[in-house]
């Protein structure tokens, strides 16, 4: 695991890419799961491939590291992660708070719970700031209502994220990560 390379890559990303502030989140998730678990990152978490050994210049070609290139749709990413999990390969899917506004992302979580799929959804919960989204229900309560095992973590602390990932195990689960303000 190359934390230094990942942090250097993250620091070099343009601020519009939204990668700053997710370092501890990504580091905690990658440290908390085995290398046989498929990762489905969003744009902000795509540097996870570096932590698995991919060259920073080639993170979009990181399939040998079981990191799927990020797509534009969080709903599609969630459905793909559930599909991989139902095929017998454990998966982790990164989502942002706004993802809960997509019906298909909610359906993926519900389907994972109904089928006991070995998938963990990691939700970056931005309470305020540019990635915040209004929610009718708190994410952990939503996950519990669907039947997912739920754990919470601080996005400022990789150890907290790693412990929360371990707490939900192989899933189906939801790790709600409260992201730092600012």
Foldseek 3Di string as FASTA:
>chain_A
DCLVQLVVLLVPDPVVLVQPQQSLVLLLVLVQDDQQAAEAEASNNLSNLVVQPDDSVPSCVSVVSNYHRHDPALLVSLQVQQVCQVVPGFYEYEEEPCNVVDPSNLVSLLVCQVVVGQYEYEYAAECDDDRHDDDPDDVQVSSVVSRWAEEEAESVHSNRSSVRCVVSPRIPHYYYYHTDDD
